[in-house]
Amino acid sequence: MIKFSRIALLAGTLVLLPEVASAAETFKSLTAKIVTLVNTAVVPLIYAIAIVIFLIGMLRFFFLGGEEGREKGKQFMLWGIIALVVMFSVWGIVRLLLTALPG
């Protein structure tokens, strides 16, 4: 009985092996599509949002009257610059790792 189960398991594995390989290729293509989508759409959108936040801060700082408008403008500009610096740093580290590591 145990010997039959092992043989059935081995036969089932051999029969399903092409399906497993096909699923792996499907997973690879799916992850490649997701990475392409993130690189072409999401990352530039995040950069654009950070730049818009910085520009809103500039507009508030220069054109909205009062001390409160200037302070809010400073905060917006600071957070926009911080976001841009962090994003460029992370992107640079990723590029460095991609070029430095083999494979």
C-alpha atoms as a PDB file:
ATOM      1  CA  MET A   1       0.000   0.000   0.000  1.00  0.00           C
ATOM      2  CA  ILE A   2       2.781   2.443   0.918  1.00  0.00           C
ATOM      3  CA  LYS A   3       4.800   1.441  -2.123  1.00  0.00           C
ATOM      4  CA  PHE A   4       1.798   2.102  -4.369  1.00  0.00           C
ATOM      5  CA  SER A   5       1.345   5.587  -2.871  1.00  0.00           C
ATOM      6  CA  ARG A   6       4.971   6.476  -3.560  1.00  0.00           C
ATOM      7  CA  ILE A   7       4.695   5.267  -7.137  1.00  0.00           C
ATOM      8  CA  ALA A   8       1.458   7.191  -7.638  1.00  0.00           C
ATOM      9  CA  LEU A   9       3.056  10.307  -6.172  1.00  0.00           C
ATOM     10  CA  LEU A  10       6.089   9.958  -8.443  1.00  0.00           C
ATOM     11  CA  ALA A  11       3.907   9.370 -11.509  1.00  0.00           C
ATOM     12  CA  GLY A  12       1.706  12.350 -10.636  1.00  0.00           C
ATOM     13  CA  THR A  13       4.757  14.527 -10.167  1.00  0.00           C
ATOM     14  CA  LEU A  14       6.202  13.495 -13.519  1.00  0.00           C
ATOM     15  CA  VAL A  15       2.881  14.094 -15.245  1.00  0.00           C
ATOM     16  CA  LEU A  16       2.461  17.543 -13.680  1.00  0.00           C
ATOM     17  CA  LEU A  17       6.082  18.645 -14.126  1.00  0.00           C
ATOM     18  CA  PRO A  18       5.418  20.533 -17.391  1.00  0.00           C
ATOM     19  CA  GLU A  19       2.521  22.352 -15.718  1.00  0.00           C
ATOM     20  CA  VAL A  20       4.784  23.419 -12.855  1.00  0.00           C
ATOM     21  CA  ALA A  21       7.374  24.697 -15.318  1.00  0.00           C
ATOM     22  CA  SER A  22       4.662  26.538 -17.232  1.00  0.00           C
ATOM     23  CA  ALA A  23       3.400  28.091 -14.005  1.00  0.00           C
ATOM     24  CA  ALA A  24       6.914  29.255 -13.201  1.00  0.00           C
ATOM     25  CA  GLU A  25       7.202  30.905 -16.618  1.00  0.00           C
ATOM     26  CA  THR A  26       3.794  32.495 -16.133  1.00  0.00           C
ATOM     27  CA  PHE A  27       4.901  33.828 -12.753  1.00  0.00           C
ATOM     28  CA  LYS A  28       8.108  35.195 -14.295  1.00  0.00           C
ATOM     29  CA  SER A  29       6.198  36.971 -17.028  1.00  0.00           C
ATOM     30  CA  LEU A  30       3.685  38.331 -14.512  1.00  0.00           C
ATOM     31  CA  THR A  31       6.421  39.734 -12.281  1.00  0.00           C
ATOM     32  CA  ALA A  32       8.179  41.201 -15.324  1.00  0.00           C
ATOM     33  CA  LYS A  33       4.954  42.973 -16.315  1.00  0.00           C
ATOM     34  CA  ILE A  34       4.484  44.318 -12.792  1.00  0.00           C
ATOM     35  CA  VAL A  35       8.077  45.605 -12.655  1.00  0.00           C
ATOM     36  CA  THR A  36       7.642  47.262 -16.052  1.00  0.00           C
ATOM     37  CA  LEU A  37       4.405  48.909 -14.923  1.00  0.00           C
ATOM     38  CA  VAL A  38       6.005  50.217 -11.739  1.00  0.00           C
ATOM     39  CA  ASN A  39       9.069  51.529 -13.587  1.00  0.00           C
ATOM     40  CA  THR A  40       7.101  53.242 -16.344  1.00  0.00           C
ATOM     41  CA  ALA A  41       4.039  54.540 -14.488  1.00  0.00           C
ATOM     42  CA  VAL A  42       4.258  54.493 -10.712  1.00  0.00           C
ATOM     43  CA  VAL A  43       7.793  55.797 -10.132  1.00  0.00           C
ATOM     44  CA  PRO A  44       7.435  58.833 -12.439  1.00  0.00           C
ATOM     45  CA  LEU A  45       4.058  59.572 -10.844  1.00  0.00           C
ATOM     46  CA  ILE A  46       5.626  59.626  -7.371  1.00  0.00           C
ATOM     47  CA  TYR A  47       8.412  61.916  -8.607  1.00  0.00           C
ATOM     48  CA  ALA A  48       5.802  64.217 -10.155  1.00  0.00           C
ATOM     49  CA  ILE A  49       3.823  64.359  -6.902  1.00  0.00           C
ATOM     50  CA  ALA A  50       6.967  65.312  -4.956  1.00  0.00           C
ATOM     51  CA  ILE A  51       7.781  68.071  -7.458  1.00  0.00           C
ATOM     52  CA  VAL A  52       4.203  69.388  -7.329  1.00  0.00           C
ATOM     53  CA  ILE A  53       4.350  69.480  -3.521  1.00  0.00           C
ATOM     54  CA  PHE A  54       7.584  71.465  -3.718  1.00  0.00           C
ATOM     55  CA  LEU A  55       6.065  73.890  -6.243  1.00  0.00           C
ATOM     56  CA  ILE A  56       2.948  74.348  -4.108  1.00  0.00           C
ATOM     57  CA  GLY A  57       5.254  75.206  -1.217  1.00  0.00           C
ATOM     58  CA  MET A  58       7.034  77.790  -3.370  1.00  0.00           C
ATOM     59  CA  LEU A  59       3.755  79.356  -4.411  1.00  0.00           C
ATOM     60  CA  ARG A  60       2.569  79.526  -0.810  1.00  0.00           C
ATOM     61  CA  PHE A  61       5.873  80.960   0.354  1.00  0.00           C
ATOM     62  CA  PHE A  62       6.078  83.718  -2.247  1.00  0.00           C
ATOM     63  CA  PHE A  63       2.473  84.601  -3.034  1.00  0.00           C
ATOM     64  CA  LEU A  64       0.309  83.851  -0.009  1.00  0.00           C
ATOM     65  CA  GLY A  65       0.437  86.650   2.464  1.00  0.00           C
ATOM     66  CA  GLY A  66       1.132  86.453   6.121  1.00  0.00           C
ATOM     67  CA  GLU A  67       3.541  84.590   8.292  1.00  0.00           C
ATOM     68  CA  GLU A  68       1.332  81.501   8.405  1.00  0.00           C
ATOM     69  CA  GLY A  69       1.403  81.163   4.607  1.00  0.00           C
ATOM     70  CA  ARG A  70       5.180  81.464   4.597  1.00  0.00           C
ATOM     71  CA  GLU A  71       5.553  78.804   7.280  1.00  0.00           C
ATOM     72  CA  LYS A  72       3.225  76.410   5.448  1.00  0.00           C
ATOM     73  CA  GLY A  73       5.171  77.087   2.257  1.00  0.00           C
ATOM     74  CA  LYS A  74       8.456  76.297   3.988  1.00  0.00           C
ATOM     75  CA  GLN A  75       7.020  73.031   5.286  1.00  0.00           C
ATOM     76  CA  PHE A  76       5.737  72.022   1.841  1.00  0.00           C
ATOM     77  CA  MET A  77       9.073  72.838   0.203  1.00  0.00           C
ATOM     78  CA  LEU A  78      10.984  70.949   2.903  1.00  0.00           C
ATOM     79  CA  TRP A  79       8.846  67.836   2.543  1.00  0.00           C
ATOM     80  CA  GLY A  80       9.054  68.005  -1.251  1.00  0.00           C
ATOM     81  CA  ILE A  81      12.860  68.214  -1.105  1.00  0.00           C
ATOM     82  CA  ILE A  82      13.051  65.397   1.450  1.00  0.00           C
ATOM     83  CA  ALA A  83      10.845  63.193  -0.738  1.00  0.00           C
ATOM     84  CA  LEU A  84      12.963  63.879  -3.829  1.00  0.00           C
ATOM     85  CA  VAL A  85      16.245  63.238  -1.999  1.00  0.00           C
ATOM     86  CA  VAL A  86      14.966  59.965  -0.546  1.00  0.00           C
ATOM     87  CA  MET A  87      13.621  58.773  -3.903  1.00  0.00           C
ATOM     88  CA  PHE A  88      16.805  59.647  -5.808  1.00  0.00           C
ATOM     89  CA  SER A  89      18.919  58.009  -3.080  1.00  0.00           C
ATOM     90  CA  VAL A  90      16.906  54.790  -3.123  1.00  0.00           C
ATOM     91  CA  TRP A  91      16.985  54.718  -6.925  1.00  0.00           C
ATOM     92  CA  GLY A  92      20.761  55.235  -6.875  1.00  0.00           C
ATOM     93  CA  ILE A  93      21.287  52.459  -4.338  1.00  0.00           C
ATOM     94  CA  VAL A  94      19.132  50.089  -6.407  1.00  0.00           C
ATOM     95  CA  ARG A  95      21.101  50.934  -9.566  1.00  0.00           C
ATOM     96  CA  LEU A  96      24.374  50.453  -7.701  1.00  0.00           C
ATOM     97  CA  LEU A  97      23.288  47.038  -6.431  1.00  0.00           C
ATOM     98  CA  LEU A  98      22.058  46.003  -9.867  1.00  0.00           C
ATOM     99  CA  THR A  99      25.377  46.848 -11.468  1.00  0.00           C
ATOM    100  CA  ALA A 100      27.602  45.587  -8.638  1.00  0.00           C
ATOM    101  CA  LEU A 101      25.976  42.202  -8.022  1.00  0.00           C
ATOM    102  CA  PRO A 102      26.470  39.492 -10.620  1.00  0.00           C
ATOM    103  CA  GLY A 103      23.521  37.864 -12.255  1.00  0.00           C
END
